[in-house]
Amino acid sequence: MIKINYDVVGMIRTNCYLIEDKASGKRAVIDPGDHSDALIAEIDKRGGTLDYLLLTHGHYDHVIGAAELCDRYHPVVCAAEEEMELLKSGICNRSSVHNIRINAFNVDRLLHDGDVIELGESRITFILTPGHTAGSGCYLVDDCIFSGDTIFCESIGRTDFETSSPRDMVKSVARIKALDGDRAIYPGHGMFSTLDHERKYNPFMQ
């Protein structure tokens, strides 16, 4: 089982999540969209270790804080293999469009659909959900979906960027809809939701 802390960071108000395996104390940050005093204080309070950085995709507003956390804690950075070109391109990751500098960091583990990350006793499954970007993905753990910019409360992420695909997004939304049971949804921006709520009220799941 995991414990979840979060902070809303950056100009576009990205949800940055700190998850911790309750049994082992192993920790991961999902989408370090900017500096977060709150999450750094929480990590330091719990021993000053961070095991993973998990990226749902590579747009600047989800990775600006990655280099700082890498320098401070040396976590294993994970992202979809399909997202590597976007991470390297200021045009594709939108940083150059907004005159924003992303400090360099390395991706240590290239993820593929269905890969499992062991966070102590918690198993985090990565599913590739292209559409918003070619390498967008969601992380499934316990009864939670960390959906990045794929699924929002009653909406979905934009599909008009350089590596976006409206056709892929339709398939990815359908895949999430078909997951078993109800699950809490923790998106990259905005309000939290549940899978049952989205099945009922999200027009893109109808």
N, C-alpha and C. Protein backbone atom coordinates (compact mmCIF):
# COMPACT_ATOMS: atom_id res chain seq x y z
N MET A 1 0.84 -1.20 0.00
CA MET A 1 0.00 0.00 0.00
C MET A 1 0.88 1.25 0.00
N ILE A 2 0.37 2.29 -0.63
CA ILE A 2 1.14 3.52 -0.72
C ILE A 2 0.45 4.65 0.03
N LYS A 3 1.27 5.61 0.43
CA LYS A 3 0.81 6.87 0.96
C LYS A 3 1.09 7.94 -0.09
N ILE A 4 0.18 8.90 -0.26
CA ILE A 4 0.31 9.91 -1.30
C ILE A 4 0.35 11.31 -0.69
N ASN A 5 1.39 12.07 -1.03
CA ASN A 5 1.45 13.50 -0.79
C ASN A 5 1.53 14.19 -2.14
N TYR A 6 1.11 15.44 -2.22
CA TYR A 6 1.25 16.13 -3.49
C TYR A 6 1.38 17.63 -3.26
N ASP A 7 1.89 18.30 -4.28
CA ASP A 7 1.94 19.75 -4.29
C ASP A 7 1.59 20.20 -5.70
N VAL A 8 1.02 21.39 -5.82
CA VAL A 8 0.70 21.97 -7.12
C VAL A 8 1.80 22.98 -7.43
N VAL A 9 2.51 22.77 -8.55
CA VAL A 9 3.74 23.53 -8.80
C VAL A 9 3.72 24.17 -10.18
N GLY A 10 4.51 25.23 -10.32
CA GLY A 10 4.77 25.82 -11.62
C GLY A 10 3.66 26.72 -12.15
N MET A 11 3.97 27.33 -13.30
CA MET A 11 3.06 28.30 -13.91
C MET A 11 1.75 27.67 -14.37
N ILE A 12 1.81 26.41 -14.78
CA ILE A 12 0.62 25.75 -15.31
C ILE A 12 -0.02 24.87 -14.23
N ARG A 13 0.45 25.01 -13.00
CA ARG A 13 -0.14 24.33 -11.85
C ARG A 13 -0.24 22.82 -12.07
N THR A 14 0.94 22.23 -12.12
CA THR A 14 1.06 20.79 -12.31
C THR A 14 0.96 20.08 -10.97
N ASN A 15 0.22 18.98 -10.95
CA ASN A 15 0.16 18.14 -9.76
C ASN A 15 1.41 17.27 -9.71
N CYS A 16 2.22 17.49 -8.69
CA CYS A 16 3.45 16.73 -8.47
C CYS A 16 3.22 15.83 -7.27
N TYR A 17 3.41 14.52 -7.45
CA TYR A 17 3.05 13.55 -6.42
C TYR A 17 4.28 12.91 -5.80
N LEU A 18 4.25 12.75 -4.50
CA LEU A 18 5.22 11.95 -3.76
C LEU A 18 4.47 10.74 -3.23
N ILE A 19 4.87 9.55 -3.66
CA ILE A 19 4.23 8.34 -3.16
C ILE A 19 5.25 7.53 -2.36
N GLU A 20 4.77 6.88 -1.32
CA GLU A 20 5.65 6.12 -0.43
C GLU A 20 5.03 4.77 -0.13
N ASP A 21 5.82 3.72 -0.31
CA ASP A 21 5.40 2.39 0.09
C ASP A 21 5.40 2.32 1.62
N LYS A 22 4.24 2.07 2.19
CA LYS A 22 4.10 2.14 3.65
C LYS A 22 4.97 1.11 4.36
N ALA A 23 5.13 -0.05 3.76
CA ALA A 23 5.87 -1.12 4.43
C ALA A 23 7.37 -0.86 4.49
N SER A 24 7.93 -0.31 3.41
CA SER A 24 9.39 -0.18 3.32
C SER A 24 9.89 1.25 3.45
N GLY A 25 9.01 2.23 3.24
CA GLY A 25 9.46 3.62 3.22
C GLY A 25 10.11 4.03 1.91
N LYS A 26 10.11 3.16 0.91
CA LYS A 26 10.65 3.53 -0.40
C LYS A 26 9.74 4.58 -1.02
N ARG A 27 10.35 5.55 -1.75
CA ARG A 27 9.58 6.69 -2.24
C ARG A 27 9.85 6.96 -3.72
N ALA A 28 8.84 7.55 -4.36
CA ALA A 28 8.97 8.00 -5.75
C ALA A 28 8.23 9.32 -5.92
N VAL A 29 8.74 10.16 -6.78
CA VAL A 29 8.05 11.38 -7.19
C VAL A 29 7.56 11.18 -8.62
N ILE A 30 6.30 11.52 -8.85
CA ILE A 30 5.71 11.45 -10.17
C ILE A 30 5.53 12.87 -10.70
N ASP A 31 6.13 13.14 -11.85
CA ASP A 31 6.01 14.42 -12.55
C ASP A 31 6.51 15.62 -11.73
N PRO A 32 7.84 15.74 -11.59
CA PRO A 32 8.42 16.89 -10.88
C PRO A 32 8.36 18.15 -11.74
N GLY A 33 7.18 18.78 -11.76
CA GLY A 33 6.93 19.88 -12.66
C GLY A 33 7.61 21.19 -12.33
N ASP A 34 8.14 21.29 -11.11
CA ASP A 34 8.89 22.49 -10.71
C ASP A 34 9.40 22.23 -9.29
N HIS A 35 10.12 23.19 -8.75
CA HIS A 35 10.59 23.08 -7.37
C HIS A 35 9.40 23.02 -6.41
N SER A 36 9.51 22.18 -5.37
CA SER A 36 8.47 22.08 -4.36
C SER A 36 9.09 22.01 -2.97
N ASP A 37 9.00 23.12 -2.24
CA ASP A 37 9.48 23.11 -0.85
C ASP A 37 8.76 22.05 -0.04
N ALA A 38 7.46 21.91 -0.26
CA ALA A 38 6.65 20.99 0.55
C ALA A 38 7.10 19.55 0.36
N LEU A 39 7.32 19.13 -0.87
CA LEU A 39 7.70 17.74 -1.09
C LEU A 39 9.13 17.47 -0.67
N ILE A 40 10.02 18.44 -0.87
CA ILE A 40 11.40 18.26 -0.40
C ILE A 40 11.42 18.15 1.12
N ALA A 41 10.64 18.97 1.79
CA ALA A 41 10.57 18.89 3.26
C ALA A 41 10.03 17.54 3.70
N GLU A 42 9.05 17.02 2.98
CA GLU A 42 8.48 15.72 3.32
C GLU A 42 9.50 14.60 3.11
N ILE A 43 10.24 14.66 2.02
CA ILE A 43 11.28 13.66 1.78
C ILE A 43 12.35 13.72 2.86
N ASP A 44 12.81 14.93 3.16
CA ASP A 44 13.86 15.08 4.17
C ASP A 44 13.39 14.64 5.55
N LYS A 45 12.14 14.93 5.87
CA LYS A 45 11.58 14.52 7.16
C LYS A 45 11.57 13.01 7.31
N ARG A 46 11.45 12.32 6.18
CA ARG A 46 11.34 10.86 6.21
C ARG A 46 12.65 10.16 5.90
N GLY A 47 13.75 10.89 6.05
CA GLY A 47 15.06 10.25 5.92
C GLY A 47 15.90 10.72 4.76
N GLY A 48 15.34 11.57 3.91
CA GLY A 48 16.15 12.18 2.85
C GLY A 48 16.52 11.25 1.72
N THR A 49 15.69 10.26 1.43
CA THR A 49 15.96 9.37 0.31
C THR A 49 14.78 9.38 -0.66
N LEU A 50 15.12 9.30 -1.93
CA LEU A 50 14.12 9.22 -2.99
C LEU A 50 14.62 8.16 -3.96
N ASP A 51 13.78 7.16 -4.21
CA ASP A 51 14.22 6.01 -4.99
C ASP A 51 13.96 6.15 -6.48
N TYR A 52 12.84 6.78 -6.86
CA TYR A 52 12.48 6.90 -8.27
C TYR A 52 11.91 8.27 -8.60
N LEU A 53 12.16 8.70 -9.84
CA LEU A 53 11.40 9.77 -10.47
C LEU A 53 10.65 9.12 -11.64
N LEU A 54 9.34 9.24 -11.64
CA LEU A 54 8.51 8.62 -12.66
C LEU A 54 7.87 9.73 -13.49
N LEU A 55 8.15 9.73 -14.79
CA LEU A 55 7.62 10.75 -15.68
C LEU A 55 6.46 10.18 -16.48
N THR A 56 5.31 10.86 -16.45
CA THR A 56 4.20 10.43 -17.29
C THR A 56 4.43 10.84 -18.74
N HIS A 57 5.14 11.95 -18.94
CA HIS A 57 5.55 12.39 -20.28
C HIS A 57 6.56 13.51 -20.11
N GLY A 58 7.05 14.04 -21.23
CA GLY A 58 8.21 14.91 -21.16
C GLY A 58 7.98 16.38 -21.37
N HIS A 59 6.73 16.86 -21.39
CA HIS A 59 6.52 18.30 -21.51
C HIS A 59 7.17 19.04 -20.33
N TYR A 60 7.63 20.26 -20.62
CA TYR A 60 8.44 20.99 -19.64
C TYR A 60 7.76 21.12 -18.29
N ASP A 61 6.44 21.28 -18.28
CA ASP A 61 5.74 21.52 -17.02
C ASP A 61 5.59 20.26 -16.17
N HIS A 62 6.17 19.15 -16.63
CA HIS A 62 6.18 17.92 -15.85
C HIS A 62 7.60 17.48 -15.49
N VAL A 63 8.62 18.23 -15.95
CA VAL A 63 10.00 17.77 -15.71
C VAL A 63 10.95 18.85 -15.22
N ILE A 64 10.50 20.09 -15.08
CA ILE A 64 11.43 21.17 -14.71
C ILE A 64 12.18 20.84 -13.41
N GLY A 65 11.51 20.21 -12.45
CA GLY A 65 12.13 19.93 -11.17
C GLY A 65 12.97 18.67 -11.12
N ALA A 66 13.08 17.97 -12.24
CA ALA A 66 13.78 16.67 -12.23
C ALA A 66 15.25 16.80 -11.88
N ALA A 67 15.95 17.75 -12.51
CA ALA A 67 17.39 17.89 -12.29
C ALA A 67 17.70 18.19 -10.83
N GLU A 68 16.91 19.05 -10.21
CA GLU A 68 17.14 19.38 -8.79
C GLU A 68 17.01 18.15 -7.92
N LEU A 69 15.97 17.35 -8.15
CA LEU A 69 15.78 16.15 -7.33
C LEU A 69 16.86 15.11 -7.62
N CYS A 70 17.31 15.03 -8.87
CA CYS A 70 18.41 14.11 -9.20
C CYS A 70 19.69 14.51 -8.49
N ASP A 71 20.00 15.79 -8.50
CA ASP A 71 21.22 16.27 -7.84
C ASP A 71 21.16 16.05 -6.33
N ARG A 72 19.98 16.17 -5.77
CA ARG A 72 19.84 16.10 -4.32
C ARG A 72 19.73 14.67 -3.79
N TYR A 73 19.01 13.80 -4.55
CA TYR A 73 18.69 12.47 -4.01
C TYR A 73 19.16 11.30 -4.87
N HIS A 74 19.53 11.54 -6.11
CA HIS A 74 20.02 10.50 -7.02
C HIS A 74 19.04 9.35 -7.23
N PRO A 75 17.79 9.65 -7.56
CA PRO A 75 16.82 8.59 -7.83
C PRO A 75 17.03 7.98 -9.21
N VAL A 76 16.40 6.85 -9.44
CA VAL A 76 16.33 6.25 -10.78
C VAL A 76 15.20 6.95 -11.55
N VAL A 77 15.55 7.55 -12.68
CA VAL A 77 14.57 8.28 -13.48
C VAL A 77 14.00 7.35 -14.55
N CYS A 78 12.67 7.30 -14.63
CA CYS A 78 11.98 6.40 -15.56
C CYS A 78 11.07 7.18 -16.49
N ALA A 79 11.09 6.81 -17.76
CA ALA A 79 10.18 7.40 -18.75
C ALA A 79 10.05 6.43 -19.90
N ALA A 80 8.98 6.57 -20.65
CA ALA A 80 8.76 5.70 -21.81
C ALA A 80 9.85 5.91 -22.85
N GLU A 81 10.28 4.83 -23.48
CA GLU A 81 11.28 4.93 -24.53
C GLU A 81 10.81 5.85 -25.65
N GLU A 82 9.50 5.83 -25.94
CA GLU A 82 8.94 6.66 -27.01
C GLU A 82 9.02 8.15 -26.71
N GLU A 83 9.33 8.51 -25.46
CA GLU A 83 9.35 9.92 -25.07
C GLU A 83 10.74 10.54 -25.12
N MET A 84 11.76 9.77 -25.46
CA MET A 84 13.12 10.27 -25.36
C MET A 84 13.40 11.40 -26.35
N GLU A 85 12.92 11.30 -27.56
CA GLU A 85 13.17 12.37 -28.53
C GLU A 85 12.50 13.66 -28.10
N LEU A 86 11.29 13.56 -27.55
CA LEU A 86 10.60 14.76 -27.07
C LEU A 86 11.37 15.41 -25.93
N LEU A 87 11.90 14.60 -25.02
CA LEU A 87 12.66 15.16 -23.90
C LEU A 87 13.88 15.94 -24.37
N LYS A 88 14.42 15.57 -25.51
CA LYS A 88 15.63 16.21 -26.02
C LYS A 88 15.33 17.46 -26.85
N SER A 89 14.08 17.66 -27.23
CA SER A 89 13.74 18.75 -28.15
C SER A 89 12.98 19.84 -27.43
N GLY A 90 13.56 21.04 -27.40
CA GLY A 90 12.90 22.18 -26.78
C GLY A 90 11.61 22.57 -27.48
N ILE A 91 11.53 22.30 -28.78
CA ILE A 91 10.29 22.57 -29.49
C ILE A 91 9.21 21.57 -29.05
N CYS A 92 9.56 20.29 -29.06
CA CYS A 92 8.56 19.26 -28.75
C CYS A 92 8.15 19.28 -27.28
N ASN A 93 9.10 19.55 -26.38
CA ASN A 93 8.70 19.57 -24.96
C ASN A 93 8.20 20.93 -24.51
N ARG A 94 8.14 21.88 -25.46
CA ARG A 94 7.52 23.19 -25.27
C ARG A 94 8.35 24.16 -24.44
N SER A 95 9.54 23.77 -24.02
CA SER A 95 10.34 24.68 -23.19
C SER A 95 10.82 25.88 -23.99
N SER A 96 11.27 25.67 -25.22
CA SER A 96 11.78 26.79 -26.01
C SER A 96 10.64 27.72 -26.43
N VAL A 97 9.44 27.18 -26.59
CA VAL A 97 8.29 28.00 -26.95
C VAL A 97 8.00 29.02 -25.86
N HIS A 98 8.27 28.64 -24.61
CA HIS A 98 7.98 29.51 -23.46
C HIS A 98 9.26 30.12 -22.86
N ASN A 99 10.38 30.00 -23.58
CA ASN A 99 11.66 30.55 -23.12
C ASN A 99 12.02 30.04 -21.73
N ILE A 100 11.86 28.75 -21.54
CA ILE A 100 12.15 28.11 -20.25
C ILE A 100 13.33 27.16 -20.42
N ARG A 101 14.22 27.19 -19.46
CA ARG A 101 15.38 26.29 -19.50
C ARG A 101 15.11 25.08 -18.61
N ILE A 102 15.32 23.90 -19.16
CA ILE A 102 15.25 22.67 -18.37
C ILE A 102 16.67 22.21 -18.11
N ASN A 103 17.08 22.18 -16.85
CA ASN A 103 18.42 21.70 -16.52
C ASN A 103 18.53 20.22 -16.85
N ALA A 104 19.70 19.82 -17.32
CA ALA A 104 19.89 18.46 -17.83
C ALA A 104 19.74 17.41 -16.73
N PHE A 105 19.14 16.30 -17.11
CA PHE A 105 19.09 15.12 -16.25
C PHE A 105 19.04 13.90 -17.16
N ASN A 106 19.41 12.76 -16.62
CA ASN A 106 19.43 11.53 -17.41
C ASN A 106 18.22 10.66 -17.09
N VAL A 107 17.70 10.00 -18.10
CA VAL A 107 16.69 8.96 -17.90
C VAL A 107 17.44 7.63 -17.75
N ASP A 108 17.27 6.99 -16.62
CA ASP A 108 18.02 5.78 -16.31
C ASP A 108 17.34 4.50 -16.78
N ARG A 109 16.02 4.51 -16.84
CA ARG A 109 15.29 3.30 -17.21
C ARG A 109 14.22 3.66 -18.23
N LEU A 110 14.32 3.04 -19.40
CA LEU A 110 13.34 3.24 -20.45
C LEU A 110 12.20 2.25 -20.25
N LEU A 111 11.00 2.79 -20.14
CA LEU A 111 9.85 1.95 -19.84
C LEU A 111 9.12 1.53 -21.11
N HIS A 112 8.54 0.33 -21.04
CA HIS A 112 7.70 -0.20 -22.11
C HIS A 112 6.37 -0.61 -21.51
N ASP A 113 5.38 -0.70 -22.36
CA ASP A 113 4.04 -1.02 -21.90
C ASP A 113 4.03 -2.29 -21.06
N GLY A 114 3.47 -2.19 -19.85
CA GLY A 114 3.37 -3.34 -18.96
C GLY A 114 4.53 -3.53 -18.01
N ASP A 115 5.56 -2.70 -18.12
CA ASP A 115 6.69 -2.81 -17.20
C ASP A 115 6.24 -2.56 -15.77
N VAL A 116 6.89 -3.25 -14.84
CA VAL A 116 6.58 -3.12 -13.42
C VAL A 116 7.78 -2.54 -12.69
N ILE A 117 7.53 -1.55 -11.86
CA ILE A 117 8.55 -0.93 -11.00
C ILE A 117 8.27 -1.38 -9.58
N GLU A 118 9.26 -1.96 -8.94
CA GLU A 118 9.12 -2.42 -7.56
C GLU A 118 9.49 -1.29 -6.62
N LEU A 119 8.51 -0.78 -5.90
CA LEU A 119 8.75 0.26 -4.89
C LEU A 119 8.51 -0.39 -3.53
N GLY A 120 9.54 -0.96 -2.97
CA GLY A 120 9.35 -1.75 -1.75
C GLY A 120 8.41 -2.90 -2.05
N GLU A 121 7.33 -2.99 -1.29
CA GLU A 121 6.34 -4.05 -1.50
C GLU A 121 5.24 -3.64 -2.47
N SER A 122 5.29 -2.42 -2.97
CA SER A 122 4.28 -1.94 -3.92
C SER A 122 4.77 -2.16 -5.35
N ARG A 123 3.87 -2.63 -6.19
CA ARG A 123 4.17 -2.86 -7.60
C ARG A 123 3.47 -1.78 -8.44
N ILE A 124 4.27 -1.00 -9.15
CA ILE A 124 3.76 0.07 -10.00
C ILE A 124 3.83 -0.41 -11.45
N THR A 125 2.70 -0.48 -12.10
CA THR A 125 2.65 -0.92 -13.49
C THR A 125 2.54 0.29 -14.41
N PHE A 126 3.41 0.34 -15.40
CA PHE A 126 3.38 1.40 -16.40
C PHE A 126 2.58 0.93 -17.59
N ILE A 127 1.59 1.74 -18.01
CA ILE A 127 0.90 1.44 -19.26
C ILE A 127 1.09 2.61 -20.21
N LEU A 128 1.44 2.29 -21.43
CA LEU A 128 1.68 3.31 -22.45
C LEU A 128 0.33 3.80 -22.98
N THR A 129 0.10 5.11 -22.88
CA THR A 129 -1.17 5.70 -23.31
C THR A 129 -0.90 6.89 -24.23
N PRO A 130 -0.41 6.65 -25.43
CA PRO A 130 -0.09 7.76 -26.34
C PRO A 130 -1.34 8.53 -26.73
N GLY A 131 -1.10 9.74 -27.16
CA GLY A 131 -2.18 10.63 -27.57
C GLY A 131 -1.80 12.07 -27.29
N HIS A 132 -1.64 12.40 -26.02
CA HIS A 132 -1.14 13.73 -25.65
C HIS A 132 0.27 13.92 -26.19
N THR A 133 1.10 12.92 -25.99
CA THR A 133 2.40 12.80 -26.65
C THR A 133 2.58 11.35 -27.05
N ALA A 134 3.60 11.09 -27.86
CA ALA A 134 3.81 9.72 -28.35
C ALA A 134 4.17 8.76 -27.24
N GLY A 135 4.83 9.27 -26.20
CA GLY A 135 5.27 8.41 -25.10
C GLY A 135 4.55 8.66 -23.79
N SER A 136 3.38 9.26 -23.84
CA SER A 136 2.61 9.46 -22.61
C SER A 136 2.25 8.11 -21.99
N GLY A 137 2.24 8.08 -20.66
CA GLY A 137 1.88 6.85 -19.98
C GLY A 137 1.24 7.13 -18.63
N CYS A 138 0.63 6.10 -18.08
CA CYS A 138 0.01 6.16 -16.75
C CYS A 138 0.68 5.14 -15.85
N TYR A 139 0.67 5.44 -14.55
CA TYR A 139 1.22 4.52 -13.55
C TYR A 139 0.09 4.00 -12.69
N LEU A 140 -0.03 2.69 -12.62
CA LEU A 140 -1.07 2.03 -11.84
C LEU A 140 -0.45 1.40 -10.60
N VAL A 141 -0.99 1.73 -9.43
CA VAL A 141 -0.51 1.14 -8.19
C VAL A 141 -1.67 1.11 -7.20
N ASP A 142 -1.81 0.01 -6.47
CA ASP A 142 -2.97 -0.19 -5.61
C ASP A 142 -4.23 0.05 -6.45
N ASP A 143 -5.13 0.89 -5.98
CA ASP A 143 -6.34 1.22 -6.74
C ASP A 143 -6.25 2.63 -7.30
N CYS A 144 -5.04 3.06 -7.68
CA CYS A 144 -4.79 4.42 -8.14
C CYS A 144 -4.28 4.42 -9.58
N ILE A 145 -4.66 5.45 -10.31
CA ILE A 145 -4.12 5.74 -11.64
C ILE A 145 -3.50 7.13 -11.60
N PHE A 146 -2.20 7.22 -11.84
CA PHE A 146 -1.55 8.51 -12.01
C PHE A 146 -1.51 8.75 -13.52
N SER A 147 -2.41 9.62 -13.97
CA SER A 147 -2.75 9.65 -15.40
C SER A 147 -2.04 10.72 -16.20
N GLY A 148 -1.18 11.53 -15.57
CA GLY A 148 -0.50 12.57 -16.34
C GLY A 148 -1.49 13.45 -17.07
N ASP A 149 -1.22 13.71 -18.35
CA ASP A 149 -2.11 14.55 -19.15
C ASP A 149 -2.94 13.70 -20.13
N THR A 150 -3.15 12.44 -19.76
CA THR A 150 -4.02 11.60 -20.58
C THR A 150 -5.48 11.79 -20.17
N ILE A 151 -5.78 11.58 -18.90
CA ILE A 151 -7.14 11.73 -18.39
C ILE A 151 -7.17 12.83 -17.34
N PHE A 152 -8.09 13.77 -17.49
CA PHE A 152 -8.40 14.77 -16.47
C PHE A 152 -9.81 14.51 -15.96
N CYS A 153 -10.18 15.23 -14.92
CA CYS A 153 -11.56 15.15 -14.45
C CYS A 153 -12.50 15.64 -15.54
N GLU A 154 -13.28 14.72 -16.09
CA GLU A 154 -14.27 15.00 -17.13
C GLU A 154 -13.66 15.57 -18.41
N SER A 155 -12.40 15.26 -18.66
CA SER A 155 -11.75 15.74 -19.87
C SER A 155 -10.54 14.87 -20.19
N ILE A 156 -9.80 15.29 -21.22
CA ILE A 156 -8.56 14.61 -21.60
C ILE A 156 -7.52 15.67 -21.93
N GLY A 157 -6.28 15.22 -22.11
CA GLY A 157 -5.22 16.15 -22.49
C GLY A 157 -5.31 16.58 -23.94
N ARG A 158 -4.66 17.68 -24.26
CA ARG A 158 -4.66 18.21 -25.62
C ARG A 158 -3.98 17.24 -26.58
N THR A 159 -4.41 17.28 -27.83
CA THR A 159 -3.83 16.40 -28.84
C THR A 159 -3.38 17.19 -30.07
N ASP A 160 -2.93 18.44 -29.83
CA ASP A 160 -2.51 19.29 -30.94
C ASP A 160 -1.04 19.69 -30.84
N PHE A 161 -0.25 18.91 -30.10
CA PHE A 161 1.17 19.19 -29.97
C PHE A 161 1.96 18.39 -31.01
N GLU A 162 3.30 18.59 -30.99
CA GLU A 162 4.16 18.03 -32.05
C GLU A 162 4.09 16.51 -32.16
N THR A 163 4.00 15.79 -31.06
CA THR A 163 3.95 14.32 -31.15
C THR A 163 2.59 13.77 -30.73
N SER A 164 1.57 14.64 -30.70
CA SER A 164 0.23 14.21 -30.32
C SER A 164 -0.41 13.37 -31.42
N SER A 165 -1.45 12.63 -31.03
CA SER A 165 -2.23 11.87 -31.99
C SER A 165 -3.65 11.72 -31.47
N PRO A 166 -4.62 12.41 -32.06
CA PRO A 166 -6.01 12.23 -31.63
C PRO A 166 -6.47 10.77 -31.75
N ARG A 167 -6.04 10.08 -32.79
CA ARG A 167 -6.43 8.68 -32.97
C ARG A 167 -5.89 7.82 -31.83
N ASP A 168 -4.62 8.04 -31.47
CA ASP A 168 -4.05 7.28 -30.36
C ASP A 168 -4.74 7.61 -29.05
N MET A 169 -5.12 8.87 -28.88
CA MET A 169 -5.80 9.26 -27.64
C MET A 169 -7.12 8.51 -27.48
N VAL A 170 -7.86 8.38 -28.54
CA VAL A 170 -9.12 7.64 -28.47
C VAL A 170 -8.87 6.22 -27.98
N LYS A 171 -7.84 5.57 -28.50
CA LYS A 171 -7.51 4.20 -28.08
C LYS A 171 -7.05 4.16 -26.62
N SER A 172 -6.28 5.16 -26.22
CA SER A 172 -5.76 5.17 -24.84
C SER A 172 -6.88 5.40 -23.84
N VAL A 173 -7.81 6.30 -24.15
CA VAL A 173 -8.95 6.55 -23.26
C VAL A 173 -9.80 5.29 -23.14
N ALA A 174 -10.00 4.61 -24.25
CA ALA A 174 -10.77 3.37 -24.22
C ALA A 174 -10.07 2.32 -23.36
N ARG A 175 -8.77 2.28 -23.43
CA ARG A 175 -8.02 1.31 -22.62
C ARG A 175 -8.18 1.60 -21.13
N ILE A 176 -8.11 2.87 -20.76
CA ILE A 176 -8.27 3.22 -19.36
C ILE A 176 -9.70 2.91 -18.90
N LYS A 177 -10.66 3.24 -19.73
CA LYS A 177 -12.06 2.95 -19.39
C LYS A 177 -12.26 1.46 -19.12
N ALA A 178 -11.55 0.61 -19.83
CA ALA A 178 -11.72 -0.83 -19.73
C ALA A 178 -10.99 -1.46 -18.55
N LEU A 179 -10.22 -0.68 -17.80
CA LEU A 179 -9.56 -1.24 -16.62
C LEU A 179 -10.61 -1.77 -15.64
N ASP A 180 -10.25 -2.78 -14.89
CA ASP A 180 -11.21 -3.41 -14.00
C ASP A 180 -11.52 -2.51 -12.80
N GLY A 181 -12.78 -2.56 -12.36
CA GLY A 181 -13.19 -1.92 -11.12
C GLY A 181 -13.14 -0.41 -11.15
N ASP A 182 -13.31 0.16 -9.96
CA ASP A 182 -13.17 1.60 -9.78
C ASP A 182 -11.78 1.89 -9.27
N ARG A 183 -11.24 3.04 -9.62
CA ARG A 183 -9.90 3.44 -9.19
C ARG A 183 -9.89 4.95 -8.98
N ALA A 184 -9.05 5.40 -8.05
CA ALA A 184 -8.82 6.83 -7.90
C ALA A 184 -7.94 7.31 -9.05
N ILE A 185 -8.27 8.47 -9.60
CA ILE A 185 -7.48 9.05 -10.69
C ILE A 185 -6.80 10.31 -10.18
N TYR A 186 -5.48 10.32 -10.30
CA TYR A 186 -4.65 11.47 -9.92
C TYR A 186 -4.03 12.03 -11.19
N PRO A 187 -4.63 13.09 -11.75
CA PRO A 187 -4.17 13.62 -13.04
C PRO A 187 -3.00 14.58 -12.91
N GLY A 188 -2.47 14.96 -14.07
CA GLY A 188 -1.35 15.90 -14.09
C GLY A 188 -1.74 17.33 -13.76
N HIS A 189 -3.01 17.66 -13.93
CA HIS A 189 -3.52 18.99 -13.62
C HIS A 189 -4.95 18.86 -13.12
N GLY A 190 -5.34 19.77 -12.26
CA GLY A 190 -6.73 19.85 -11.87
C GLY A 190 -7.16 18.87 -10.81
N MET A 191 -8.48 18.71 -10.71
CA MET A 191 -9.09 17.95 -9.63
C MET A 191 -8.85 16.45 -9.78
N PHE A 192 -8.78 15.77 -8.62
CA PHE A 192 -8.75 14.32 -8.61
C PHE A 192 -10.13 13.79 -9.03
N SER A 193 -10.17 12.53 -9.42
CA SER A 193 -11.43 11.94 -9.83
C SER A 193 -11.39 10.44 -9.53
N THR A 194 -12.37 9.74 -10.06
CA THR A 194 -12.39 8.28 -9.98
C THR A 194 -12.74 7.74 -11.36
N LEU A 195 -12.39 6.50 -11.58
CA LEU A 195 -12.66 5.89 -12.87
C LEU A 195 -14.17 5.76 -13.11
N ASP A 196 -14.91 5.40 -12.08
CA ASP A 196 -16.36 5.30 -12.25
C ASP A 196 -16.97 6.66 -12.60
N HIS A 197 -16.47 7.73 -11.97
CA HIS A 197 -16.97 9.07 -12.30
C HIS A 197 -16.69 9.40 -13.76
N GLU A 198 -15.49 9.08 -14.21
CA GLU A 198 -15.14 9.40 -15.60
C GLU A 198 -15.94 8.56 -16.58
N ARG A 199 -16.16 7.31 -16.24
CA ARG A 199 -16.99 6.47 -17.12
C ARG A 199 -18.38 7.07 -17.30
N LYS A 200 -18.87 7.75 -16.27
CA LYS A 200 -20.22 8.30 -16.31
C LYS A 200 -20.28 9.70 -16.89
N TYR A 201 -19.28 10.54 -16.58
CA TYR A 201 -19.39 11.96 -16.91
C TYR A 201 -18.35 12.48 -17.92
N ASN A 202 -17.31 11.72 -18.20
CA ASN A 202 -16.30 12.21 -19.15
C ASN A 202 -16.82 11.98 -20.56
N PRO A 203 -17.05 13.05 -21.34
CA PRO A 203 -17.62 12.86 -22.68
C PRO A 203 -16.74 12.05 -23.60
N PHE A 204 -15.43 11.98 -23.31
CA PHE A 204 -14.51 11.22 -24.15
C PHE A 204 -14.52 9.74 -23.82
N MET A 205 -15.25 9.34 -22.79
CA MET A 205 -15.39 7.92 -22.46
C MET A 205 -16.75 7.36 -22.85
N GLN A 206 -17.56 8.20 -23.50
CA GLN A 206 -18.88 7.73 -23.86
C GLN A 206 -18.85 6.93 -25.17
